[in-house]
Protein backbone atom coordinates (compact mmCIF):
# COMPACT_ATOMS: atom_id res chain seq x y z
CA MET A 1 -21.64 6.79 -37.41
CA GLU A 2 -20.55 9.79 -35.15
CA ILE A 3 -21.33 13.24 -37.25
CA THR A 4 -19.19 15.64 -35.99
CA CYS A 5 -18.62 19.91 -37.53
CA SER A 6 -15.14 21.13 -37.10
CA PHE A 7 -16.48 24.72 -38.55
CA PRO A 8 -17.62 26.48 -35.12
CA HIS A 9 -14.46 24.94 -33.29
CA LYS A 10 -12.58 26.57 -35.51
CA LEU A 11 -14.06 29.49 -35.51
CA PHE A 12 -13.93 29.42 -32.32
CA ASN A 13 -10.13 29.55 -32.36
CA LEU A 14 -9.67 32.10 -34.32
CA THR A 15 -12.45 34.65 -32.94
CA LEU A 16 -9.91 34.25 -29.33
CA LEU A 17 -6.83 34.54 -31.40
CA LEU A 18 -8.16 37.52 -32.74
CA TRP A 19 -9.61 38.65 -28.85
CA VAL A 20 -6.31 37.41 -27.35
CA SER A 21 -4.07 39.93 -30.51
CA HIS A 22 -6.44 42.33 -29.20
CA LEU A 23 -5.20 42.52 -25.59
CA GLN A 24 -1.54 42.63 -26.73
CA ALA A 25 -2.12 45.59 -28.80
CA THR A 26 -3.93 47.33 -27.08
CA ASP A 27 -1.37 46.34 -23.96
CA GLN A 28 1.43 47.05 -25.65
CA SER A 29 4.63 48.25 -24.12
CA PHE A 30 6.69 49.52 -25.87
CA THR A 31 6.38 49.69 -30.57
CA ASN A 32 8.09 50.95 -32.26
CA PHE A 33 8.92 51.15 -36.16
CA ILE A 34 12.18 51.31 -38.12
CA PHE A 35 12.88 53.83 -40.64
CA GLY A 36 16.86 54.13 -42.03
CA ASP A 37 20.00 53.14 -42.79
CA SER A 38 23.48 51.30 -41.05
CA LEU A 39 23.19 53.22 -38.34
CA VAL A 40 19.78 51.50 -37.22
CA ASP A 41 20.37 47.93 -38.91
CA VAL A 42 19.66 45.30 -37.57
CA GLY A 43 20.09 42.32 -39.90
CA ASN A 44 17.36 43.12 -43.40
CA ASN A 45 20.89 44.03 -45.37
CA ASN A 46 21.61 39.81 -44.77
CA TYR A 47 19.36 38.87 -47.00
CA LEU A 48 20.16 40.81 -50.31
CA PHE A 49 22.68 40.34 -52.87
CA THR A 50 24.35 43.47 -50.80
CA LEU A 51 28.61 44.85 -50.50
CA SER A 52 27.23 46.45 -47.22
CA LYS A 53 27.12 44.11 -44.68
CA ALA A 54 27.78 43.47 -41.07
CA ASP A 55 26.85 39.86 -41.26
CA SER A 56 30.76 38.95 -40.26
CA SER A 57 32.88 38.97 -37.14
CA PRO A 58 33.94 41.12 -34.89
CA TYR A 59 30.26 42.81 -36.00
CA GLY A 60 28.78 42.22 -32.46
CA ILE A 61 31.17 41.20 -30.78
CA ASP A 62 29.74 42.71 -27.80
CA PHE A 63 25.81 42.22 -28.73
CA GLY A 64 24.79 40.64 -25.65
CA PRO A 65 21.14 38.63 -27.19
CA SER A 66 23.71 36.88 -29.56
CA ASN A 67 26.27 36.67 -27.03
CA GLY A 68 29.05 38.01 -29.78
CA GLN A 69 27.86 37.39 -32.56
CA PRO A 70 27.36 38.96 -36.43
CA THR A 71 23.58 40.19 -36.30
CA GLY A 72 23.96 42.76 -39.27
CA ARG A 73 24.49 45.60 -36.43
CA PHE A 74 27.04 47.62 -38.29
CA THR A 75 28.15 47.91 -34.74
CA ASN A 76 30.26 46.43 -31.89
CA GLY A 77 26.87 46.06 -29.30
CA ARG A 78 23.25 47.99 -29.90
CA THR A 79 22.43 50.89 -31.69
CA ILE A 80 20.90 53.85 -30.61
CA SER A 81 16.97 52.11 -31.37
CA ASP A 82 18.35 49.00 -29.55
CA ILE A 83 18.95 51.03 -26.44
CA VAL A 84 15.64 53.85 -26.72
CA GLY A 85 13.97 50.70 -27.16
CA GLU A 86 14.93 48.91 -23.88
CA ALA A 87 14.53 51.87 -21.90
CA LEU A 88 11.04 52.33 -22.73
CA GLY A 89 10.41 48.41 -21.64
CA ALA A 90 10.18 46.92 -24.82
CA LYS A 91 10.51 43.53 -24.63
CA SER A 92 12.88 42.41 -27.96
CA ALA A 93 14.41 44.87 -30.60
CA PRO A 94 12.03 44.89 -33.65
CA THR A 95 13.32 42.73 -35.80
CA PRO A 96 14.39 43.25 -39.41
CA TYR A 97 11.26 42.66 -41.52
CA LEU A 98 13.16 40.58 -44.84
CA GLU A 99 13.71 37.72 -41.99
CA PRO A 100 12.19 34.92 -43.02
CA ASN A 101 8.18 34.30 -40.40
CA THR A 102 8.70 38.66 -38.58
CA GLU A 103 4.86 38.94 -39.27
CA VAL A 104 4.68 37.60 -36.06
CA ASN A 105 6.26 39.87 -34.23
CA THR A 106 4.76 43.00 -35.78
CA ILE A 107 2.19 43.74 -33.21
CA HIS A 108 4.40 43.02 -30.21
CA SER A 109 7.02 45.01 -31.07
CA GLY A 110 7.33 46.94 -34.49
CA ILE A 111 9.40 45.75 -37.30
CA ASN A 112 12.86 47.48 -38.27
CA TYR A 113 13.57 48.33 -42.47
CA ALA A 114 16.39 50.67 -42.21
CA SER A 115 18.80 48.87 -44.60
CA GLY A 116 23.09 49.79 -44.33
CA SER A 117 23.64 52.09 -47.55
CA ALA A 118 19.88 53.37 -47.97
CA GLY A 119 19.50 56.89 -48.50
CA ILE A 120 15.75 59.05 -48.82
CA PHE A 121 16.81 58.91 -52.80
CA ASP A 122 16.43 55.75 -53.80
CA ASP A 123 20.15 55.92 -56.09
CA THR A 124 21.43 56.44 -53.59
CA GLY A 125 24.11 53.62 -52.04
CA LEU A 126 24.13 52.59 -55.88
CA LEU A 127 27.15 51.27 -55.88
CA PHE A 128 26.96 48.43 -53.31
CA ILE A 129 23.96 47.15 -54.84
CA GLY A 130 21.08 45.65 -52.72
CA ARG A 131 19.84 47.76 -50.47
CA VAL A 132 16.48 49.48 -49.94
CA PRO A 133 15.69 52.55 -50.43
CA LEU A 134 13.32 54.75 -47.94
CA ARG A 135 10.19 54.86 -50.54
CA GLU A 136 10.68 50.91 -50.08
CA GLN A 137 10.90 50.78 -46.27
CA VAL A 138 7.33 52.32 -46.73
CA SER A 139 5.95 50.13 -48.66
CA TYR A 140 6.58 47.79 -46.62
CA PHE A 141 5.66 48.74 -43.70
CA GLU A 142 2.18 49.51 -45.81
CA LYS A 143 2.25 45.46 -46.04
CA SER A 144 2.68 44.86 -42.81
CA ARG A 145 0.00 47.39 -42.01
CA ASP A 146 -2.35 44.54 -44.45
CA TYR A 147 -1.20 42.00 -41.86
CA MET A 148 -2.30 43.99 -38.47
CA VAL A 149 -5.85 44.53 -40.40
CA ARG A 150 -5.90 41.22 -40.58
CA MET A 151 -5.22 40.12 -37.06
CA ILE A 152 -7.04 43.04 -35.01
CA GLY A 153 -9.03 44.80 -37.79
CA GLU A 154 -9.28 47.63 -38.66
CA ASN A 155 -9.75 49.53 -35.58
CA GLY A 156 -7.20 47.63 -33.71
CA THR A 157 -4.44 48.74 -36.13
CA LYS A 158 -5.76 52.38 -35.94
CA GLU A 159 -5.67 52.38 -31.94
CA MET A 160 -2.48 50.30 -31.92
CA LEU A 161 -0.19 52.69 -34.37
CA LYS A 162 -1.70 56.11 -32.64
CA LYS A 163 0.61 54.46 -29.45
CA SER A 164 3.66 52.76 -31.41
CA MET A 165 6.65 54.68 -32.25
CA PHE A 166 7.83 55.30 -35.58
CA THR A 167 11.92 55.74 -35.25
CA ILE A 168 13.12 57.88 -39.28
CA THR A 169 16.80 57.49 -39.49
CA ILE A 170 18.38 58.47 -42.39
CA GLY A 171 19.81 61.14 -44.51
CA SER A 172 23.89 60.20 -43.89
CA ASN A 173 24.25 57.82 -47.10
CA ASP A 174 22.28 60.61 -49.47
CA ILE A 175 25.98 63.31 -48.06
CA LEU A 176 28.58 60.81 -47.82
CA ASN A 177 27.06 60.16 -51.88
CA TYR A 178 27.61 63.89 -52.40
CA ILE A 179 30.72 64.89 -50.76
CA GLN A 180 32.84 61.46 -52.44
CA PRO A 181 34.80 62.14 -56.39
CA SER A 182 32.72 60.83 -58.98
CA ILE A 183 33.00 57.93 -60.74
CA PRO A 184 33.05 56.69 -63.99
CA PHE A 185 29.89 55.64 -65.77
CA PHE A 186 28.49 56.52 -62.23
CA SER A 187 27.96 59.93 -61.39
CA GLN A 188 25.72 62.08 -62.35
CA ASP A 189 26.09 66.00 -62.28
CA LYS A 190 25.99 67.23 -59.03
CA LEU A 191 23.66 69.35 -57.17
CA PRO A 192 23.87 73.25 -56.02
CA ILE A 193 24.50 71.96 -52.24
CA GLY A 194 20.80 74.22 -51.31
CA VAL A 195 18.95 72.33 -54.19
CA LEU A 196 20.22 68.80 -53.17
CA GLN A 197 19.70 69.97 -48.98
CA ASP A 198 16.10 71.47 -50.60
CA SER A 199 14.73 67.83 -52.39
CA MET A 200 16.03 65.54 -49.09
CA VAL A 201 13.70 67.41 -46.97
CA PHE A 202 11.17 67.41 -49.17
CA HIS A 203 11.14 63.27 -50.25
CA LEU A 204 11.49 62.54 -46.60
CA THR A 205 8.57 65.12 -45.33
CA THR A 206 6.38 63.69 -48.21
CA HIS A 207 7.07 59.81 -46.85
CA LEU A 208 6.31 61.34 -43.76
CA LYS A 209 3.36 63.59 -44.33
CA VAL A 210 1.53 61.67 -47.23
CA ARG A 211 2.54 57.85 -46.63
CA LEU A 212 3.29 57.20 -42.88
CA HIS A 213 1.40 59.69 -41.63
CA GLU A 214 -1.83 59.15 -44.05
CA LEU A 215 -1.30 55.64 -42.60
CA GLY A 216 -1.52 55.77 -39.26
CA ALA A 217 1.33 57.14 -37.74
CA ARG A 218 1.30 59.51 -35.09
CA LYS A 219 4.36 59.87 -33.13
CA PHE A 220 7.22 60.27 -35.06
CA VAL A 221 11.21 60.69 -33.96
CA VAL A 222 13.13 61.98 -36.76
CA VAL A 223 17.06 62.07 -36.34
CA GLY A 224 19.00 65.17 -38.04
CA VAL A 225 21.93 63.46 -39.61
CA GLY A 226 25.28 63.95 -37.22
CA PRO A 227 28.46 65.44 -38.30
CA LEU A 228 29.74 63.12 -40.77
CA GLY A 229 32.13 65.96 -41.36
CA CYS A 230 33.77 64.26 -38.50
CA ILE A 231 33.81 60.45 -38.81
CA PRO A 232 36.64 58.89 -39.81
CA PHE A 233 35.85 57.84 -43.06
CA ALA A 234 35.38 61.68 -43.74
CA ARG A 235 38.45 63.23 -42.38
CA ALA A 236 40.57 60.51 -44.49
CA LEU A 237 38.05 61.71 -47.79
CA ASN A 238 39.58 64.67 -46.90
CA LEU A 239 43.12 64.87 -45.41
CA ILE A 240 42.03 66.18 -42.22
CA PRO A 241 44.46 66.13 -39.61
CA ALA A 242 43.65 64.41 -36.47
CA GLY A 243 41.45 66.67 -33.89
CA LYS A 244 39.99 67.96 -36.52
CA CYS A 245 36.93 67.34 -38.82
CA SER A 246 36.10 68.29 -42.33
CA ASP A 247 33.62 72.00 -41.75
CA GLN A 248 33.27 71.61 -45.82
CA VAL A 249 30.85 68.59 -44.89
CA ASN A 250 29.66 69.51 -41.65
CA GLN A 251 28.67 73.00 -43.49
CA ILE A 252 26.21 70.98 -45.78
CA VAL A 253 25.43 68.63 -42.92
CA ARG A 254 23.80 72.04 -40.93
CA GLY A 255 22.37 73.67 -43.33
CA TYR A 256 20.29 70.05 -44.11
CA ASN A 257 19.49 69.27 -40.81
CA MET A 258 17.94 73.65 -39.70
CA LYS A 259 16.16 73.04 -43.06
CA LEU A 260 14.58 70.07 -41.29
CA ARG A 261 14.55 71.08 -38.17
CA HIS A 262 11.94 73.76 -39.57
CA SER A 263 9.94 71.84 -42.04
CA LEU A 264 8.84 69.54 -38.93
CA ARG A 265 8.08 72.80 -36.99
CA THR A 266 5.89 73.48 -40.19
CA LEU A 267 4.45 69.90 -39.95
CA ASN A 268 3.07 69.79 -36.26
CA ASN A 269 1.66 73.17 -37.08
CA GLU A 270 -0.44 71.75 -40.07
CA LEU A 271 -0.88 68.47 -38.19
CA GLY A 272 -1.84 69.27 -34.87
CA TYR A 273 -5.68 69.13 -35.15
CA HIS A 274 -4.70 64.65 -35.85
CA ASN A 275 -2.83 64.95 -32.98
CA PRO A 276 0.75 63.58 -34.74
CA THR A 277 3.93 64.80 -33.33
CA PHE A 278 7.19 65.00 -35.03
CA VAL A 279 9.84 64.87 -32.23
CA TYR A 280 13.22 66.59 -33.86
CA ALA A 281 16.25 64.74 -32.65
CA ASN A 282 19.55 66.74 -32.62
CA SER A 283 21.98 63.86 -33.21
CA TYR A 284 24.53 66.48 -34.63
CA ASP A 285 25.41 68.59 -31.64
CA LEU A 286 25.15 65.43 -29.73
CA PHE A 287 28.17 63.96 -31.27
CA LEU A 288 29.64 66.67 -32.35
CA LYS A 289 29.73 66.74 -28.30
CA LEU A 290 30.59 63.62 -28.18
CA VAL A 291 33.69 63.99 -30.42
CA LEU A 292 35.39 67.35 -29.61
CA ASN A 293 35.03 66.92 -25.47
CA TYR A 294 35.11 62.84 -25.99
CA ARG A 295 37.34 62.49 -22.31
CA GLN A 296 34.90 64.31 -20.50
CA PHE A 297 32.53 61.45 -21.67
CA GLY A 298 35.21 58.67 -20.03
CA LEU A 299 36.15 57.53 -23.55
CA GLU A 300 40.32 57.83 -24.72
CA ASN A 301 39.95 57.95 -28.59
CA ALA A 302 37.86 60.23 -30.88
CA ASP A 303 39.75 59.36 -33.93
CA LYS A 304 40.89 56.82 -35.04
CA PRO A 305 38.08 53.22 -35.77
CA CYS A 306 38.34 50.40 -33.04
CA CYS A 307 37.63 48.36 -36.08
CA GLY A 308 39.25 48.98 -39.70
CA GLY A 309 41.35 50.86 -41.48
CA TYR A 310 41.69 54.85 -41.34
CA PHE A 311 42.38 54.45 -45.04
CA PRO A 312 40.29 53.14 -47.49
CA PRO A 313 39.54 50.52 -48.10
CA PHE A 314 38.28 50.21 -44.00
CA THR A 315 37.54 46.90 -43.91
CA CYS A 316 36.94 45.82 -40.53
CA PHE A 317 37.26 42.02 -40.46
CA LYS A 318 37.86 39.44 -38.44
CA GLY A 319 41.86 37.99 -38.96
CA PRO A 320 43.38 34.94 -39.95
CA ASN A 321 43.13 33.50 -35.88
CA GLN A 322 39.64 32.88 -35.56
CA ASN A 323 39.77 32.90 -31.90
CA SER A 324 40.10 36.56 -31.99
CA SER A 325 38.81 39.48 -33.49
CA GLU A 326 41.97 41.02 -34.63
CA ALA A 327 41.18 44.04 -36.60
CA ALA A 328 39.50 45.62 -33.30
CA CYS A 329 40.71 46.96 -31.57
CA GLU A 330 40.47 45.48 -27.13
CA GLU A 331 39.40 48.44 -25.42
CA ARG A 332 36.14 48.96 -27.41
CA SER A 333 34.01 50.77 -25.04
CA LYS A 334 36.72 53.58 -24.83
CA PHE A 335 36.41 54.27 -28.46
CA VAL A 336 34.08 56.88 -30.49
CA PHE A 337 34.56 54.98 -33.96
CA TRP A 338 33.34 51.79 -34.70
CA ASP A 339 34.68 51.80 -37.99
CA ALA A 340 35.18 54.31 -40.59
CA TYR A 341 31.28 55.66 -40.49
CA HIS A 342 29.93 54.38 -37.51
CA PRO A 343 29.39 54.66 -33.95
CA THR A 344 30.80 52.31 -31.08
CA GLU A 345 27.81 50.66 -28.94
CA ALA A 346 29.67 53.31 -25.76
CA ALA A 347 28.76 56.64 -27.69
CA ASN A 348 25.15 54.80 -28.92
CA LEU A 349 24.72 54.47 -24.57
CA ILE A 350 25.62 58.02 -24.46
CA VAL A 351 23.89 59.63 -27.30
CA ALA A 352 21.19 57.53 -26.42
CA LYS A 353 20.58 58.50 -22.71
CA ALA A 354 20.11 62.58 -23.57
CA LEU A 355 17.52 61.89 -26.57
CA LEU A 356 15.69 59.64 -24.13
CA ASP A 357 15.70 62.49 -21.34
CA GLY A 358 17.47 65.72 -22.69
CA ASP A 359 16.65 69.02 -22.81
CA GLN A 360 15.00 71.29 -26.47
CA THR A 361 18.76 71.52 -27.05
CA VAL A 362 18.74 67.89 -27.40
CA ALA A 363 15.52 66.69 -28.96
CA THR A 364 12.44 69.11 -30.03
CA PRO A 365 9.93 70.30 -28.78
CA PHE A 366 10.41 67.38 -26.02
CA ASN A 367 12.66 63.94 -25.73
CA ILE A 368 12.09 61.45 -26.56
CA ARG A 369 10.67 60.06 -23.13
CA HIS A 370 8.40 62.44 -23.16
CA LEU A 371 6.96 61.50 -26.33
CA ASN A 372 6.18 57.78 -25.47
CA HIS A 373 4.26 59.18 -22.62
CA LEU A 374 1.46 61.12 -24.71
């Protein structure tokens, strides 16, 4: 009778797997862990019971990897994070955390935790029912980190995370919730604007410093809130004429961004000895310049959304003719806004290129490409 022992063989395979995984981690091309809202959601909300979804046509109509099928991205094509990742050598975009069996991609490309309608505050987006607030997104990353430790060990994980990028694009929904008319039974007393801004900055920087930094993150891109007073939804809500923006809304955004930028500068000074770098991405000025000077960028419309109406309920959906997306404009590359809330891929391309290679008016203390080379 032949006696075999499979244990050494299995042990060897496990050791080999860990060794290969470690090599992949240390030789990574570009790994990005993405947190945020619908501006960077790539499909997490597909797996939630929520009113905030982009899982039906014509969303994704120009997204090449899916052959024009919706993926959960709230635009017609790529998000800014998609474009930045491609430019920095990402082999594929980080997959949504809630997608089944996505753990295996953690080490190779990172994970996307972003969720449409989510905010810095837990109760932001309550009317949409399901969403993943920032606090929970960071908790999901903790689970991803546990997986990495199991695969490549604690030291391997620390080395990998030091090289990885952490992108945070959130805050828009907190302000949009604030400016919307109160709804009976759902509304709360509104905070003074200054208190709202301070609270947003405090909660966000707490997640950055106390949680993500402690878990090993070192390279941060923190995206400021864009000029919400210029999006079709806010203009319609405030009855702003074409070609104009709501300065009242934009003033709230500017105050928040100023405080956030100052706080990130403070974090860089405080934590510099641990080599973290917090880059502030000035999306406000970039988008405002684009909206006000859209023809200089080769675009033709900065007022109306390409898809959906200019007035409530702002729905973007495929028309009754299943062979065509009747609700979407034909010249999508000529519009700044895809729907009442989100930019088109054309706008995302312009902003992404500026964030990658722009000067300190665009990103401080330096641009994203410089951060990636550190």
